[in-house]
Amino acid sequence: MKFVFLCDDIYLKGDNAAFVNNFPTNHELVTMSGEAFLQAKGVPENTFGLLVERFTWQKNFSLFRYFGLLPVLEMVPLAVVSRSRRVEPLKGRSALRGQEMIIAPNASSEELYTAIDRFVAAPPQIHTYPRGACKMFVKKTVESL
């Protein structure tokens, strides 16, 4: 199965680089930066799941929403790759507080294999992102007052 790891280049070092290197070989991992995701306007074809690095998501979520990519993100299950098991949810996913699947990037190959198999067997629920109301500003004229 194909997975996309959404991680900006600045964070793709240390534990996150080890995560990419230790990823189970029976699955395909495609690494994309937030910018590449915006330019591609989506994930590669036949992607089973999206693995997001926490800081990359927090930094880019507003851009994903602005450029209309939220429907694309709603089509694949998502798991968070994070060094710590933080309690605060990702931007745009506060309704899933405490329900996020978190994968530690510094996990051993065996732990990572088990976590990915768990993800495949029971993918996290698909989340619908709030779109928010778009405010329209109307220029007032003297005649309308």
Protein backbone atom coordinates (compact mmCIF):
# COMPACT_ATOMS: atom_id res chain seq x y z
CA MET A 1 0.00 0.00 0.00
CA LYS A 2 1.10 3.53 -0.73
CA PHE A 3 1.47 6.11 2.03
CA VAL A 4 2.35 9.79 1.74
CA PHE A 5 4.55 11.31 4.45
CA LEU A 6 3.85 15.05 4.56
CA CYS A 7 7.01 16.59 5.99
CA ASP A 8 8.80 19.82 5.08
CA ASP A 9 12.49 19.52 4.26
CA ILE A 10 13.50 21.52 7.34
CA TYR A 11 12.00 18.80 9.59
CA LEU A 12 13.21 15.84 7.51
CA LYS A 13 16.25 15.10 9.65
CA GLY A 14 17.05 13.14 12.78
CA ASP A 15 14.09 11.04 13.92
CA ASN A 16 12.00 11.86 10.86
CA ALA A 17 14.81 10.74 8.53
CA ALA A 18 15.06 7.52 10.57
CA PHE A 19 11.27 7.12 10.21
CA VAL A 20 11.60 7.25 6.41
CA ASN A 21 14.55 4.82 6.44
CA ASN A 22 12.83 2.36 8.83
CA PHE A 23 9.47 2.40 7.02
CA PRO A 24 8.30 -1.17 6.29
CA THR A 25 9.44 -2.32 2.87
CA ASN A 26 6.15 -4.10 2.16
CA HIS A 27 4.54 -0.64 1.80
CA GLU A 28 5.51 2.29 -0.39
CA LEU A 29 6.31 5.65 1.23
CA VAL A 30 6.26 8.88 -0.79
CA THR A 31 7.65 11.95 0.99
CA MET A 32 6.10 15.32 0.10
CA SER A 33 6.71 18.76 1.52
CA GLY A 34 3.80 21.08 2.22
CA GLU A 35 4.79 23.15 -0.82
CA ALA A 36 4.89 20.07 -3.08
CA PHE A 37 1.44 19.07 -1.81
CA LEU A 38 0.09 22.54 -2.63
CA GLN A 39 1.64 22.45 -6.12
CA ALA A 40 0.36 18.93 -6.83
CA LYS A 41 -3.07 19.90 -5.42
CA GLY A 42 -3.40 16.51 -3.82
CA VAL A 43 -1.83 13.17 -3.05
CA PRO A 44 -0.47 10.71 -5.63
CA GLU A 45 -2.88 8.23 -7.14
CA ASN A 46 -3.69 5.05 -5.14
CA THR A 47 -2.60 6.56 -1.82
CA PHE A 48 -3.97 4.56 1.11
CA GLY A 49 -3.10 6.93 3.95
CA LEU A 50 -1.49 10.21 4.87
CA LEU A 51 1.19 10.40 7.56
CA VAL A 52 1.76 14.00 8.64
CA GLU A 53 4.61 15.49 10.60
CA ARG A 54 3.03 17.69 13.30
CA PHE A 55 4.92 20.95 12.66
CA THR A 56 4.48 20.68 8.88
CA TRP A 57 0.72 20.27 9.34
CA GLN A 58 0.43 23.16 11.81
CA LYS A 59 2.41 25.43 9.49
CA ASN A 60 0.56 24.55 6.28
CA PHE A 61 -3.05 23.82 7.30
CA SER A 62 -4.27 27.38 6.68
CA LEU A 63 -2.76 27.26 3.18
CA PHE A 64 -4.45 23.92 2.49
CA ARG A 65 -7.77 25.47 3.50
CA TYR A 66 -7.16 28.69 1.54
CA PHE A 67 -6.34 26.83 -1.68
CA GLY A 68 -9.30 24.44 -1.34
CA LEU A 69 -7.40 21.23 -0.58
CA LEU A 70 -9.50 20.17 2.43
CA PRO A 71 -11.75 17.89 0.32
CA VAL A 72 -8.60 16.09 -0.87
CA LEU A 73 -7.49 15.59 2.74
CA GLU A 74 -10.90 14.16 3.63
CA MET A 75 -10.46 11.29 1.19
CA VAL A 76 -7.62 9.46 2.95
CA PRO A 77 -7.13 8.40 6.58
CA LEU A 78 -4.52 10.40 8.48
CA ALA A 79 -2.02 9.58 11.23
CA VAL A 80 0.31 11.97 13.03
CA VAL A 81 4.07 11.42 13.14
CA SER A 82 5.23 13.17 16.30
CA ARG A 83 8.03 12.83 18.84
CA SER A 84 5.66 13.44 21.73
CA ARG A 85 2.11 12.38 22.37
CA ARG A 86 0.69 15.87 22.76
CA VAL A 87 -2.83 16.30 23.94
CA GLU A 88 -3.66 19.32 21.81
CA PRO A 89 -5.13 18.38 18.43
CA LEU A 90 -3.87 19.37 15.02
CA LYS A 91 -5.23 22.54 13.43
CA GLY A 92 -8.62 21.89 11.91
CA ARG A 93 -9.01 18.58 13.74
CA SER A 94 -10.07 19.67 17.24
CA ALA A 95 -13.15 17.44 17.05
CA LEU A 96 -10.80 14.45 17.10
CA ARG A 97 -9.09 15.40 20.37
CA GLY A 98 -7.53 12.26 21.82
CA GLN A 99 -8.56 10.08 18.87
CA GLU A 100 -5.61 10.77 16.58
CA MET A 101 -3.36 7.85 15.73
CA ILE A 102 0.16 8.93 16.68
CA ILE A 103 3.28 7.22 15.34
CA ALA A 104 6.62 7.94 16.99
CA PRO A 105 9.31 8.70 14.38
CA ASN A 106 12.02 7.22 16.62
CA ALA A 107 10.25 3.85 16.84
CA SER A 108 12.22 0.72 16.06
CA SER A 109 11.57 -1.08 12.78
CA GLU A 110 9.41 -3.66 14.56
CA GLU A 111 7.32 -1.01 16.37
CA LEU A 112 6.88 0.91 13.14
CA TYR A 113 5.85 -2.24 11.27
CA THR A 114 3.24 -2.97 13.97
CA ALA A 115 1.92 0.62 13.94
CA ILE A 116 1.55 0.66 10.14
CA ASP A 117 -0.18 -2.74 10.19
CA ARG A 118 -2.60 -1.37 12.82
CA PHE A 119 -3.22 1.65 10.59
CA VAL A 120 -3.95 -0.60 7.58
CA ALA A 121 -6.18 -2.98 9.56
CA ALA A 122 -8.26 -0.24 11.18
CA PRO A 123 -7.68 3.13 9.52
CA PRO A 124 -8.62 6.19 11.56
CA GLN A 125 -12.00 7.68 10.77
CA ILE A 126 -12.22 10.14 7.92
CA HIS A 127 -12.64 13.68 9.23
CA THR A 128 -14.69 16.44 7.63
CA TYR A 129 -12.94 19.78 8.08
CA PRO A 130 -14.91 22.89 9.04
CA ARG A 131 -15.01 25.30 6.12
CA GLY A 132 -15.89 28.40 8.11
CA ALA A 133 -17.98 31.26 6.87
CA CYS A 134 -16.47 33.59 4.35
CA LYS A 135 -17.19 37.22 5.21
CA MET A 136 -18.06 39.48 2.33
CA PHE A 137 -17.08 43.09 2.79
CA VAL A 138 -19.41 45.56 1.12
CA LYS A 139 -18.23 49.05 0.42
CA LYS A 140 -20.72 51.52 1.83
CA THR A 141 -21.55 54.52 -0.26
CA VAL A 142 -23.02 57.80 0.83
CA GLU A 143 -26.30 56.93 -0.94
CA SER A 144 -26.73 53.69 1.03
CA LEU A 145 -26.46 55.53 4.36
